[in-house]
Amino acid sequence: MATIVDGKKRIPFMRGMLVSHLIQRGFDHQDAYEIADAVRGALSKRKELPKKEIVGIVGEILEAGYGDHQLGDLLFWEQAPRSVTVDRKSGTRPFSKELLSHSIQASGLPPDRSYLVAKEIETRLIDERRELVPHQELEEMTIRTLAERHGQTYADRYLVWRTWADLEKPLIILIGGASGVGKTSLAVSLANVLDIPSVVATDDIRQIMR
């Protein structure tokens, strides 16, 4: 079994550690096991190797077959936090890439691309071994990532939306149009993107006023 030399630490290479590391970063189980097997095969005749070399071997195997993945620092033998907590004025809550992805959609980015941005941010937080991240820092990280991956326009839209959301003021949107054109459908879709908890149709208002 190969041994990783990291400073004064000597860590036996274990396939399971690498598999767990890859799954945490978005690889499915099958791919993670195949990558770990390939790395184990590359190390079969080695007794010891330095940290930099093992990172290079794993990186080459990943680049060859999974170059589109965010690879991170690849220090799979180091203990990563099991979860990241977001610190807000109102208290703390666990980081959720699903919630962040939903928030990013307010910039106009499609759901699939929003999810990839949120996933990249999650990977970065895990690689940095962050257990607690301030809400403001998370927003700034999201804005930077949007600008880098999809352009400043999406980043500016997200900034405007988050700036308004942080003010904690009510938002009232009036949608007009003839009967049957789809005002309610549009309102429901818009409310879903903007996290507006309630939608009131004009028919309901008319009935109340009667």
N, C-alpha and C. Protein backbone atom coordinates (compact mmCIF):
# COMPACT_ATOMS: atom_id res chain seq x y z
N MET A 1 0.85 -1.20 0.00
CA MET A 1 0.00 0.00 0.00
C MET A 1 0.89 1.25 0.00
N ALA A 2 0.60 2.18 -0.90
CA ALA A 2 1.37 3.42 -0.98
C ALA A 2 1.07 4.31 0.22
N THR A 3 2.07 5.09 0.61
CA THR A 3 1.92 6.02 1.73
C THR A 3 2.13 7.44 1.23
N ILE A 4 1.22 8.34 1.59
CA ILE A 4 1.31 9.75 1.21
C ILE A 4 2.11 10.48 2.28
N VAL A 5 3.14 11.21 1.86
CA VAL A 5 3.97 11.97 2.79
C VAL A 5 3.56 13.44 2.69
N ASP A 6 2.92 13.94 3.74
CA ASP A 6 2.44 15.33 3.79
C ASP A 6 3.08 16.00 5.00
N GLY A 7 4.24 16.63 4.77
CA GLY A 7 4.97 17.22 5.88
C GLY A 7 5.43 16.12 6.83
N LYS A 8 5.04 16.24 8.09
CA LYS A 8 5.39 15.23 9.08
C LYS A 8 4.38 14.09 9.13
N LYS A 9 3.29 14.24 8.38
CA LYS A 9 2.24 13.22 8.39
C LYS A 9 2.52 12.17 7.31
N ARG A 10 2.20 10.94 7.64
CA ARG A 10 2.31 9.83 6.70
C ARG A 10 0.96 9.12 6.70
N ILE A 11 0.28 9.21 5.55
CA ILE A 11 -1.09 8.70 5.47
C ILE A 11 -1.16 7.57 4.45
N PRO A 12 -1.60 6.38 4.85
CA PRO A 12 -1.77 5.29 3.88
C PRO A 12 -2.84 5.66 2.85
N PHE A 13 -2.55 5.39 1.57
CA PHE A 13 -3.56 5.64 0.55
C PHE A 13 -4.68 4.63 0.72
N MET A 14 -5.90 5.15 0.84
CA MET A 14 -7.08 4.29 0.95
C MET A 14 -8.09 4.73 -0.09
N ARG A 15 -8.51 3.79 -0.90
CA ARG A 15 -9.43 4.11 -1.98
C ARG A 15 -10.70 4.77 -1.46
N GLY A 16 -11.19 4.32 -0.31
CA GLY A 16 -12.44 4.86 0.23
C GLY A 16 -12.38 6.34 0.53
N MET A 17 -11.22 6.83 0.97
CA MET A 17 -11.07 8.26 1.25
C MET A 17 -11.25 9.07 -0.03
N LEU A 18 -10.65 8.60 -1.12
CA LEU A 18 -10.76 9.31 -2.39
C LEU A 18 -12.18 9.24 -2.93
N VAL A 19 -12.80 8.07 -2.80
CA VAL A 19 -14.20 7.92 -3.25
C VAL A 19 -15.10 8.91 -2.52
N SER A 20 -14.97 8.97 -1.20
CA SER A 20 -15.79 9.89 -0.40
C SER A 20 -15.55 11.34 -0.81
N HIS A 21 -14.29 11.69 -1.04
CA HIS A 21 -13.93 13.05 -1.45
C HIS A 21 -14.60 13.41 -2.77
N LEU A 22 -14.57 12.49 -3.73
CA LEU A 22 -15.14 12.76 -5.05
C LEU A 22 -16.66 12.85 -5.01
N ILE A 23 -17.29 11.97 -4.24
CA ILE A 23 -18.75 12.01 -4.13
C ILE A 23 -19.20 13.32 -3.51
N GLN A 24 -18.46 13.80 -2.52
CA GLN A 24 -18.80 15.06 -1.86
C GLN A 24 -18.71 16.23 -2.83
N ARG A 25 -17.94 16.06 -3.89
CA ARG A 25 -17.77 17.12 -4.88
C ARG A 25 -18.58 16.89 -6.14
N GLY A 26 -19.58 16.03 -6.07
CA GLY A 26 -20.54 15.93 -7.15
C GLY A 26 -20.39 14.76 -8.10
N PHE A 27 -19.37 13.93 -7.93
CA PHE A 27 -19.23 12.75 -8.79
C PHE A 27 -20.22 11.67 -8.33
N ASP A 28 -20.75 10.89 -9.29
CA ASP A 28 -21.61 9.80 -8.86
C ASP A 28 -20.75 8.63 -8.36
N HIS A 29 -21.39 7.67 -7.71
CA HIS A 29 -20.65 6.58 -7.07
C HIS A 29 -19.81 5.79 -8.07
N GLN A 30 -20.40 5.49 -9.22
CA GLN A 30 -19.69 4.68 -10.21
C GLN A 30 -18.42 5.37 -10.69
N ASP A 31 -18.54 6.65 -11.05
CA ASP A 31 -17.37 7.40 -11.52
C ASP A 31 -16.31 7.51 -10.42
N ALA A 32 -16.78 7.77 -9.20
CA ALA A 32 -15.84 7.93 -8.08
C ALA A 32 -15.03 6.65 -7.86
N TYR A 33 -15.70 5.49 -7.93
CA TYR A 33 -14.99 4.22 -7.74
C TYR A 33 -14.03 3.95 -8.89
N GLU A 34 -14.43 4.28 -10.12
CA GLU A 34 -13.55 4.06 -11.27
C GLU A 34 -12.30 4.93 -11.18
N ILE A 35 -12.47 6.18 -10.77
CA ILE A 35 -11.32 7.09 -10.62
C ILE A 35 -10.40 6.58 -9.52
N ALA A 36 -10.98 6.19 -8.39
CA ALA A 36 -10.17 5.69 -7.27
C ALA A 36 -9.41 4.42 -7.66
N ASP A 37 -10.06 3.55 -8.44
CA ASP A 37 -9.38 2.33 -8.90
C ASP A 37 -8.21 2.68 -9.82
N ALA A 38 -8.41 3.68 -10.69
CA ALA A 38 -7.34 4.09 -11.60
C ALA A 38 -6.16 4.66 -10.82
N VAL A 39 -6.45 5.44 -9.78
CA VAL A 39 -5.38 5.99 -8.94
C VAL A 39 -4.65 4.87 -8.20
N ARG A 40 -5.42 3.94 -7.66
CA ARG A 40 -4.80 2.81 -6.95
C ARG A 40 -3.89 2.01 -7.88
N GLY A 41 -4.32 1.84 -9.13
CA GLY A 41 -3.49 1.14 -10.11
C GLY A 41 -2.20 1.88 -10.40
N ALA A 42 -2.29 3.21 -10.48
CA ALA A 42 -1.10 4.03 -10.75
C ALA A 42 -0.11 3.98 -9.59
N LEU A 43 -0.61 3.67 -8.39
CA LEU A 43 0.24 3.65 -7.20
C LEU A 43 0.67 2.24 -6.79
N SER A 44 0.32 1.25 -7.60
CA SER A 44 0.50 -0.14 -7.18
C SER A 44 1.96 -0.50 -6.89
N LYS A 45 2.90 0.15 -7.56
CA LYS A 45 4.32 -0.18 -7.36
C LYS A 45 5.05 0.86 -6.51
N ARG A 46 4.29 1.77 -5.92
CA ARG A 46 4.92 2.82 -5.12
C ARG A 46 4.76 2.52 -3.63
N LYS A 47 5.81 2.83 -2.87
CA LYS A 47 5.73 2.68 -1.42
C LYS A 47 5.43 4.01 -0.74
N GLU A 48 6.09 5.05 -1.21
CA GLU A 48 5.87 6.39 -0.67
C GLU A 48 5.86 7.40 -1.81
N LEU A 49 5.10 8.45 -1.63
CA LEU A 49 5.13 9.54 -2.59
C LEU A 49 4.69 10.82 -1.89
N PRO A 50 5.28 11.96 -2.27
CA PRO A 50 4.95 13.22 -1.61
C PRO A 50 3.57 13.72 -2.00
N LYS A 51 3.07 14.62 -1.19
CA LYS A 51 1.74 15.22 -1.38
C LYS A 51 1.56 15.76 -2.79
N LYS A 52 2.56 16.51 -3.28
CA LYS A 52 2.44 17.14 -4.60
C LYS A 52 2.28 16.11 -5.70
N GLU A 53 2.96 15.00 -5.58
CA GLU A 53 2.91 13.97 -6.63
C GLU A 53 1.56 13.27 -6.65
N ILE A 54 1.02 12.91 -5.49
CA ILE A 54 -0.28 12.24 -5.48
C ILE A 54 -1.38 13.16 -5.99
N VAL A 55 -1.28 14.45 -5.66
CA VAL A 55 -2.26 15.42 -6.18
C VAL A 55 -2.15 15.49 -7.70
N GLY A 56 -0.92 15.46 -8.23
CA GLY A 56 -0.72 15.49 -9.67
C GLY A 56 -1.28 14.27 -10.37
N ILE A 57 -1.09 13.09 -9.77
CA ILE A 57 -1.61 11.85 -10.36
C ILE A 57 -3.13 11.87 -10.42
N VAL A 58 -3.76 12.24 -9.30
CA VAL A 58 -5.22 12.31 -9.27
C VAL A 58 -5.72 13.35 -10.26
N GLY A 59 -5.04 14.50 -10.31
CA GLY A 59 -5.45 15.57 -11.22
C GLY A 59 -5.38 15.15 -12.67
N GLU A 60 -4.33 14.43 -13.06
CA GLU A 60 -4.19 13.97 -14.44
C GLU A 60 -5.30 13.00 -14.83
N ILE A 61 -5.63 12.08 -13.93
CA ILE A 61 -6.70 11.12 -14.21
C ILE A 61 -8.04 11.83 -14.33
N LEU A 62 -8.28 12.80 -13.47
CA LEU A 62 -9.53 13.55 -13.54
C LEU A 62 -9.61 14.40 -14.80
N GLU A 63 -8.51 15.07 -15.14
CA GLU A 63 -8.50 15.92 -16.33
C GLU A 63 -8.75 15.10 -17.59
N ALA A 64 -8.23 13.87 -17.61
CA ALA A 64 -8.36 13.03 -18.80
C ALA A 64 -9.81 12.65 -19.09
N GLY A 65 -10.57 12.40 -18.03
CA GLY A 65 -11.94 11.95 -18.26
C GLY A 65 -13.03 12.85 -17.76
N TYR A 66 -12.67 13.82 -16.90
CA TYR A 66 -13.69 14.66 -16.27
C TYR A 66 -13.23 16.11 -16.19
N GLY A 67 -12.70 16.60 -17.28
CA GLY A 67 -12.12 17.94 -17.29
C GLY A 67 -13.10 19.06 -17.01
N ASP A 68 -14.41 18.79 -17.20
CA ASP A 68 -15.42 19.82 -16.98
C ASP A 68 -15.81 19.95 -15.51
N HIS A 69 -15.31 19.08 -14.65
CA HIS A 69 -15.63 19.13 -13.22
C HIS A 69 -14.75 20.14 -12.51
N GLN A 70 -15.32 20.78 -11.47
CA GLN A 70 -14.51 21.60 -10.58
C GLN A 70 -13.72 20.66 -9.67
N LEU A 71 -12.40 20.66 -9.79
CA LEU A 71 -11.59 19.65 -9.13
C LEU A 71 -11.23 20.00 -7.69
N GLY A 72 -11.12 21.28 -7.36
CA GLY A 72 -10.74 21.65 -6.00
C GLY A 72 -9.28 21.36 -5.73
N ASP A 73 -8.91 21.28 -4.44
CA ASP A 73 -7.50 21.13 -4.09
C ASP A 73 -7.02 19.67 -4.11
N LEU A 74 -7.94 18.71 -4.17
CA LEU A 74 -7.63 17.28 -4.27
C LEU A 74 -6.89 16.71 -3.06
N LEU A 75 -6.92 17.40 -1.95
CA LEU A 75 -6.31 16.87 -0.72
C LEU A 75 -7.31 15.96 -0.02
N PHE A 76 -7.57 14.82 -0.64
CA PHE A 76 -8.67 13.95 -0.21
C PHE A 76 -8.42 13.30 1.15
N TRP A 77 -7.19 13.29 1.60
CA TRP A 77 -6.88 12.66 2.90
C TRP A 77 -7.10 13.60 4.08
N GLU A 78 -7.31 14.89 3.81
CA GLU A 78 -7.57 15.84 4.89
C GLU A 78 -9.05 15.85 5.25
N GLN A 79 -9.33 16.00 6.52
CA GLN A 79 -10.71 15.99 7.01
C GLN A 79 -11.43 17.25 6.54
N ALA A 80 -12.51 17.06 5.81
CA ALA A 80 -13.33 18.19 5.36
C ALA A 80 -14.54 18.33 6.27
N PRO A 81 -15.08 19.54 6.42
CA PRO A 81 -16.26 19.71 7.27
C PRO A 81 -17.45 18.95 6.70
N ARG A 82 -18.23 18.34 7.57
CA ARG A 82 -19.39 17.59 7.12
C ARG A 82 -20.48 18.51 6.59
N SER A 83 -20.51 19.75 7.08
CA SER A 83 -21.50 20.71 6.61
C SER A 83 -20.95 22.12 6.78
N VAL A 84 -21.52 23.04 6.02
CA VAL A 84 -21.15 24.45 6.10
C VAL A 84 -22.36 25.21 6.64
N THR A 85 -22.13 26.11 7.57
CA THR A 85 -23.21 26.89 8.17
C THR A 85 -23.10 28.34 7.72
N VAL A 86 -24.25 28.92 7.35
CA VAL A 86 -24.30 30.33 6.93
C VAL A 86 -24.75 31.17 8.11
N ASP A 87 -23.97 32.20 8.42
CA ASP A 87 -24.25 33.08 9.55
C ASP A 87 -24.98 34.32 9.05
N ARG A 88 -26.23 34.48 9.48
CA ARG A 88 -27.06 35.62 9.08
C ARG A 88 -27.39 36.45 10.32
N LYS A 89 -27.94 37.66 10.07
CA LYS A 89 -28.35 38.52 11.18
C LYS A 89 -29.43 37.84 12.02
N SER A 90 -30.28 37.08 11.35
CA SER A 90 -31.39 36.43 12.04
C SER A 90 -31.00 35.12 12.70
N GLY A 91 -29.74 34.70 12.51
CA GLY A 91 -29.29 33.44 13.08
C GLY A 91 -28.49 32.64 12.06
N THR A 92 -28.26 31.38 12.34
CA THR A 92 -27.50 30.52 11.43
C THR A 92 -28.41 29.46 10.83
N ARG A 93 -27.99 28.98 9.66
CA ARG A 93 -28.70 27.87 9.03
C ARG A 93 -27.71 27.12 8.14
N PRO A 94 -27.96 25.83 7.87
CA PRO A 94 -27.04 25.06 7.03
C PRO A 94 -27.00 25.60 5.61
N PHE A 95 -25.83 25.58 5.01
CA PHE A 95 -25.70 25.97 3.61
C PHE A 95 -26.43 24.95 2.75
N SER A 96 -27.18 25.44 1.77
CA SER A 96 -27.90 24.56 0.84
C SER A 96 -27.66 25.05 -0.57
N LYS A 97 -27.06 24.20 -1.40
CA LYS A 97 -26.84 24.62 -2.79
C LYS A 97 -28.16 24.70 -3.55
N GLU A 98 -29.18 23.96 -3.09
CA GLU A 98 -30.49 24.05 -3.74
C GLU A 98 -31.11 25.43 -3.51
N LEU A 99 -31.04 25.92 -2.27
CA LEU A 99 -31.57 27.25 -1.97
C LEU A 99 -30.77 28.33 -2.68
N LEU A 100 -29.45 28.19 -2.70
CA LEU A 100 -28.62 29.17 -3.39
C LEU A 100 -28.90 29.16 -4.88
N SER A 101 -29.05 27.97 -5.45
CA SER A 101 -29.37 27.85 -6.87
C SER A 101 -30.68 28.56 -7.19
N HIS A 102 -31.67 28.36 -6.34
CA HIS A 102 -32.97 29.01 -6.54
C HIS A 102 -32.82 30.53 -6.48
N SER A 103 -32.01 31.02 -5.56
CA SER A 103 -31.78 32.46 -5.43
C SER A 103 -31.08 33.01 -6.67
N ILE A 104 -30.13 32.26 -7.21
CA ILE A 104 -29.37 32.71 -8.39
C ILE A 104 -30.27 32.85 -9.61
N GLN A 105 -31.35 32.08 -9.68
CA GLN A 105 -32.25 32.16 -10.82
C GLN A 105 -32.88 33.54 -10.97
N ALA A 106 -32.90 34.33 -9.89
CA ALA A 106 -33.43 35.69 -9.97
C ALA A 106 -32.58 36.56 -10.89
N SER A 107 -31.36 36.13 -11.20
CA SER A 107 -30.49 36.88 -12.11
C SER A 107 -30.87 36.63 -13.56
N GLY A 108 -31.75 35.68 -13.81
CA GLY A 108 -32.13 35.33 -15.17
C GLY A 108 -31.41 34.10 -15.69
N LEU A 109 -30.54 33.53 -14.88
CA LEU A 109 -29.80 32.34 -15.28
C LEU A 109 -30.72 31.11 -15.22
N PRO A 110 -30.68 30.23 -16.22
CA PRO A 110 -31.53 29.03 -16.21
C PRO A 110 -31.24 28.15 -15.00
N PRO A 111 -32.21 27.32 -14.58
CA PRO A 111 -32.03 26.49 -13.39
C PRO A 111 -30.80 25.59 -13.43
N ASP A 112 -30.51 24.97 -14.59
CA ASP A 112 -29.37 24.05 -14.64
C ASP A 112 -28.05 24.78 -14.45
N ARG A 113 -27.91 25.97 -15.03
CA ARG A 113 -26.67 26.73 -14.87
C ARG A 113 -26.59 27.34 -13.47
N SER A 114 -27.72 27.72 -12.92
CA SER A 114 -27.73 28.24 -11.55
C SER A 114 -27.25 27.17 -10.58
N TYR A 115 -27.68 25.94 -10.81
CA TYR A 115 -27.26 24.84 -9.93
C TYR A 115 -25.76 24.60 -10.02
N LEU A 116 -25.20 24.70 -11.22
CA LEU A 116 -23.76 24.50 -11.39
C LEU A 116 -22.96 25.58 -10.66
N VAL A 117 -23.46 26.82 -10.68
CA VAL A 117 -22.79 27.90 -9.95
C VAL A 117 -22.83 27.61 -8.46
N ALA A 118 -24.00 27.22 -7.95
CA ALA A 118 -24.14 26.92 -6.52
C ALA A 118 -23.25 25.74 -6.13
N LYS A 119 -23.17 24.76 -7.00
CA LYS A 119 -22.34 23.59 -6.74
C LYS A 119 -20.86 23.97 -6.68
N GLU A 120 -20.44 24.86 -7.58
CA GLU A 120 -19.05 25.32 -7.58
C GLU A 120 -18.72 26.06 -6.28
N ILE A 121 -19.66 26.87 -5.81
CA ILE A 121 -19.44 27.60 -4.56
C ILE A 121 -19.37 26.63 -3.38
N GLU A 122 -20.23 25.63 -3.37
CA GLU A 122 -20.18 24.62 -2.31
C GLU A 122 -18.83 23.91 -2.29
N THR A 123 -18.34 23.54 -3.48
CA THR A 123 -17.04 22.87 -3.57
C THR A 123 -15.93 23.75 -3.04
N ARG A 124 -15.99 25.03 -3.36
CA ARG A 124 -14.96 25.97 -2.90
C ARG A 124 -14.97 26.08 -1.38
N LEU A 125 -16.15 26.16 -0.80
CA LEU A 125 -16.26 26.26 0.66
C LEU A 125 -15.71 25.01 1.35
N ILE A 126 -16.01 23.86 0.76
CA ILE A 126 -15.52 22.60 1.34
C ILE A 126 -14.00 22.51 1.21
N ASP A 127 -13.48 22.90 0.04
CA ASP A 127 -12.03 22.84 -0.17
C ASP A 127 -11.29 23.79 0.77
N GLU A 128 -11.93 24.90 1.11
CA GLU A 128 -11.32 25.86 2.04
C GLU A 128 -11.52 25.45 3.49
N ARG A 129 -12.18 24.29 3.69
CA ARG A 129 -12.45 23.77 5.04
C ARG A 129 -13.25 24.77 5.87
N ARG A 130 -14.23 25.40 5.23
CA ARG A 130 -15.04 26.40 5.93
C ARG A 130 -16.21 25.72 6.63
N GLU A 131 -16.32 25.92 7.90
CA GLU A 131 -17.46 25.40 8.65
C GLU A 131 -18.51 26.48 8.88
N LEU A 132 -18.08 27.75 8.84
CA LEU A 132 -19.00 28.88 9.05
C LEU A 132 -18.63 29.98 8.06
N VAL A 133 -19.63 30.47 7.31
CA VAL A 133 -19.39 31.54 6.35
C VAL A 133 -20.44 32.63 6.57
N PRO A 134 -20.03 33.90 6.71
CA PRO A 134 -21.00 34.99 6.85
C PRO A 134 -21.86 35.12 5.60
N HIS A 135 -23.12 35.47 5.79
CA HIS A 135 -24.04 35.59 4.67
C HIS A 135 -23.55 36.61 3.64
N GLN A 136 -23.00 37.73 4.11
CA GLN A 136 -22.51 38.76 3.20
C GLN A 136 -21.37 38.22 2.33
N GLU A 137 -20.49 37.45 2.93
CA GLU A 137 -19.37 36.87 2.17
C GLU A 137 -19.87 35.87 1.14
N LEU A 138 -20.90 35.11 1.49
CA LEU A 138 -21.48 34.15 0.55
C LEU A 138 -22.08 34.88 -0.65
N GLU A 139 -22.76 35.99 -0.41
CA GLU A 139 -23.32 36.78 -1.51
C GLU A 139 -22.22 37.32 -2.41
N GLU A 140 -21.15 37.83 -1.81
CA GLU A 140 -20.03 38.37 -2.59
C GLU A 140 -19.37 37.27 -3.42
N MET A 141 -19.25 36.08 -2.85
CA MET A 141 -18.67 34.95 -3.57
C MET A 141 -19.55 34.57 -4.75
N THR A 142 -20.87 34.61 -4.54
CA THR A 142 -21.81 34.28 -5.61
C THR A 142 -21.72 35.30 -6.74
N ILE A 143 -21.64 36.56 -6.40
CA ILE A 143 -21.54 37.62 -7.41
C ILE A 143 -20.27 37.46 -8.24
N ARG A 144 -19.15 37.18 -7.57
CA ARG A 144 -17.88 37.00 -8.29
C ARG A 144 -17.94 35.79 -9.22
N THR A 145 -18.52 34.70 -8.72
CA THR A 145 -18.60 33.49 -9.54
C THR A 145 -19.51 33.70 -10.74
N LEU A 146 -20.62 34.40 -10.56
CA LEU A 146 -21.51 34.71 -11.68
C LEU A 146 -20.79 35.54 -12.72
N ALA A 147 -20.05 36.55 -12.28
CA ALA A 147 -19.32 37.41 -13.21
C ALA A 147 -18.27 36.62 -13.98
N GLU A 148 -17.56 35.73 -13.29
CA GLU A 148 -16.51 34.94 -13.93
C GLU A 148 -17.07 33.93 -14.92
N ARG A 149 -18.19 33.31 -14.57
CA ARG A 149 -18.71 32.21 -15.39
C ARG A 149 -19.71 32.67 -16.46
N HIS A 150 -20.48 33.71 -16.16
CA HIS A 150 -21.57 34.08 -17.07
C HIS A 150 -21.63 35.56 -17.42
N GLY A 151 -20.70 36.36 -16.94
CA GLY A 151 -20.66 37.76 -17.32
C GLY A 151 -21.21 38.69 -16.25
N GLN A 152 -20.84 39.96 -16.37
CA GLN A 152 -21.19 40.95 -15.36
C GLN A 152 -22.69 41.24 -15.30
N THR A 153 -23.39 41.07 -16.43
CA THR A 153 -24.83 41.36 -16.46
C THR A 153 -25.58 40.51 -15.45
N TYR A 154 -25.30 39.21 -15.43
CA TYR A 154 -25.97 38.32 -14.47
C TYR A 154 -25.57 38.66 -13.04
N ALA A 155 -24.30 39.01 -12.86
CA ALA A 155 -23.83 39.38 -11.52
C ALA A 155 -24.53 40.63 -11.03
N ASP A 156 -24.71 41.62 -11.91
CA ASP A 156 -25.38 42.87 -11.52
C ASP A 156 -26.85 42.62 -11.18
N ARG A 157 -27.50 41.77 -11.96
CA ARG A 157 -28.91 41.45 -11.67
C ARG A 157 -29.04 40.79 -10.31
N TYR A 158 -28.15 39.85 -10.04
CA TYR A 158 -28.19 39.17 -8.74
C TYR A 158 -27.93 40.15 -7.61
N LEU A 159 -26.99 41.07 -7.82
CA LEU A 159 -26.66 42.06 -6.79
C LEU A 159 -27.86 42.95 -6.49
N VAL A 160 -28.55 43.38 -7.55
CA VAL A 160 -29.74 44.23 -7.35
C VAL A 160 -30.80 43.47 -6.56
N TRP A 161 -31.03 42.21 -6.92
CA TRP A 161 -32.05 41.42 -6.23
C TRP A 161 -31.69 41.19 -4.78
N ARG A 162 -30.44 40.82 -4.50
CA ARG A 162 -30.03 40.56 -3.13
C ARG A 162 -30.02 41.84 -2.30
N THR A 163 -29.66 42.96 -2.93
CA THR A 163 -29.68 44.24 -2.20
C THR A 163 -31.10 44.56 -1.76
N TRP A 164 -32.05 44.36 -2.67
CA TRP A 164 -33.45 44.61 -2.30
C TRP A 164 -33.90 43.63 -1.22
N ALA A 165 -33.56 42.35 -1.38
CA ALA A 165 -34.02 41.33 -0.43
C ALA A 165 -33.48 41.60 0.97
N ASP A 166 -32.26 42.12 1.06
CA ASP A 166 -31.66 42.38 2.37
C ASP A 166 -32.30 43.58 3.07
N LEU A 167 -33.05 44.40 2.33
CA LEU A 167 -33.71 45.55 2.95
C LEU A 167 -34.92 45.13 3.77
N GLU A 168 -35.43 43.93 3.49
CA GLU A 168 -36.58 43.38 4.21
C GLU A 168 -37.80 44.30 4.10
N LYS A 169 -37.99 44.85 2.92
CA LYS A 169 -39.17 45.68 2.66
C LYS A 169 -40.12 44.90 1.75
N PRO A 170 -41.43 45.17 1.86
CA PRO A 170 -42.38 44.43 1.02
C PRO A 170 -42.25 44.81 -0.45
N LEU A 171 -42.50 43.86 -1.32
CA LEU A 171 -42.49 44.08 -2.76
C LEU A 171 -43.88 43.78 -3.30
N ILE A 172 -44.48 44.76 -3.95
CA ILE A 172 -45.81 44.60 -4.54
C ILE A 172 -45.68 44.71 -6.05
N ILE A 173 -46.11 43.67 -6.77
CA ILE A 173 -46.03 43.65 -8.22
C ILE A 173 -47.44 43.57 -8.78
N LEU A 174 -47.79 44.51 -9.63
CA LEU A 174 -49.11 44.55 -10.27
C LEU A 174 -48.96 44.12 -11.72
N ILE A 175 -49.66 43.05 -12.10
CA ILE A 175 -49.62 42.54 -13.48
C ILE A 175 -50.99 42.77 -14.11
N GLY A 176 -51.01 43.52 -15.19
CA GLY A 176 -52.27 43.84 -15.86
C GLY A 176 -52.42 43.11 -17.19
N GLY A 177 -53.64 43.04 -17.69
CA GLY A 177 -53.89 42.39 -18.97
C GLY A 177 -55.34 41.95 -19.07
N ALA A 178 -55.76 41.63 -20.28
CA ALA A 178 -57.14 41.19 -20.51
C ALA A 178 -57.38 39.83 -19.87
N SER A 179 -58.64 39.49 -19.71
CA SER A 179 -59.01 38.22 -19.10
C SER A 179 -58.52 37.05 -19.94
N GLY A 180 -57.92 36.07 -19.28
CA GLY A 180 -57.52 34.85 -19.97
C GLY A 180 -56.16 34.88 -20.64
N VAL A 181 -55.39 35.95 -20.48
CA VAL A 181 -54.09 36.02 -21.17
C VAL A 181 -52.98 35.33 -20.37
N GLY A 182 -53.26 34.92 -19.15
CA GLY A 182 -52.26 34.20 -18.36
C GLY A 182 -51.61 35.01 -17.27
N LYS A 183 -52.34 35.99 -16.74
CA LYS A 183 -51.76 36.84 -15.69
C LYS A 183 -51.42 36.02 -14.44
N THR A 184 -52.33 35.13 -14.06
CA THR A 184 -52.10 34.34 -12.86
C THR A 184 -50.93 33.39 -13.04
N SER A 185 -50.83 32.76 -14.20
CA SER A 185 -49.71 31.85 -14.47
C SER A 185 -48.39 32.58 -14.41
N LEU A 186 -48.37 33.79 -14.99
CA LEU A 186 -47.15 34.60 -14.95
C LEU A 186 -46.80 34.99 -13.51
N ALA A 187 -47.83 35.37 -12.76
CA ALA A 187 -47.61 35.78 -11.37
C ALA A 187 -47.05 34.64 -10.53
N VAL A 188 -47.58 33.44 -10.73
CA VAL A 188 -47.11 32.28 -9.96
C VAL A 188 -45.66 31.96 -10.31
N SER A 189 -45.32 32.02 -11.61
CA SER A 189 -43.94 31.76 -12.04
C SER A 189 -42.99 32.80 -11.48
N LEU A 190 -43.41 34.06 -11.53
CA LEU A 190 -42.57 35.15 -11.02
C LEU A 190 -42.38 35.03 -9.51
N ALA A 191 -43.45 34.69 -8.82
CA ALA A 191 -43.37 34.54 -7.36
C ALA A 191 -42.42 33.41 -6.98
N ASN A 192 -42.42 32.34 -7.77
CA ASN A 192 -41.53 31.21 -7.49
C ASN A 192 -40.07 31.61 -7.62
N VAL A 193 -39.75 32.41 -8.63
CA VAL A 193 -38.36 32.85 -8.84
C VAL A 193 -37.93 33.85 -7.78
N LEU A 194 -38.82 34.76 -7.42
CA LEU A 194 -38.48 35.85 -6.50
C LEU A 194 -38.78 35.52 -5.04
N ASP A 195 -39.20 34.30 -4.77
CA ASP A 195 -39.49 33.88 -3.39
C ASP A 195 -40.58 34.73 -2.75
N ILE A 196 -41.58 35.10 -3.54
CA ILE A 196 -42.72 35.84 -3.01
C ILE A 196 -43.72 34.82 -2.47
N PRO A 197 -44.07 34.89 -1.19
CA PRO A 197 -44.86 33.82 -0.57
C PRO A 197 -46.33 33.78 -0.98
N SER A 198 -46.89 34.89 -1.47
CA SER A 198 -48.32 34.88 -1.76
C SER A 198 -48.63 35.65 -3.04
N VAL A 199 -49.60 35.15 -3.78
CA VAL A 199 -50.08 35.78 -5.01
C VAL A 199 -51.58 35.94 -4.89
N VAL A 200 -52.09 37.14 -5.15
CA VAL A 200 -53.52 37.41 -5.04
C VAL A 200 -54.06 37.78 -6.42
N ALA A 201 -55.01 37.01 -6.92
CA ALA A 201 -55.62 37.30 -8.22
C ALA A 201 -56.64 38.42 -8.08
N THR A 202 -56.81 39.19 -9.15
CA THR A 202 -57.77 40.31 -9.11
C THR A 202 -59.20 39.81 -8.92
N ASP A 203 -59.48 38.59 -9.39
CA ASP A 203 -60.82 38.03 -9.18
C ASP A 203 -61.11 37.88 -7.69
N ASP A 204 -60.11 37.47 -6.94
CA ASP A 204 -60.29 37.33 -5.49
C ASP A 204 -60.52 38.69 -4.83
N ILE A 205 -59.76 39.68 -5.28
CA ILE A 205 -59.92 41.02 -4.72
C ILE A 205 -61.32 41.55 -5.03
N ARG A 206 -61.79 41.29 -6.25
CA ARG A 206 -63.12 41.77 -6.62
C ARG A 206 -64.19 41.12 -5.76
N GLN A 207 -64.04 39.82 -5.49
CA GLN A 207 -65.02 39.14 -4.66
C GLN A 207 -65.02 39.70 -3.23
N ILE A 208 -63.81 40.02 -2.71
CA ILE A 208 -63.72 40.58 -1.36
C ILE A 208 -64.38 41.94 -1.30
N MET A 209 -64.15 42.76 -2.33
CA MET A 209 -64.70 44.12 -2.34
C MET A 209 -66.21 44.11 -2.47
N ARG A 210 -66.76 43.08 -3.05
CA ARG A 210 -68.22 42.99 -3.15
C ARG A 210 -68.84 42.76 -1.78
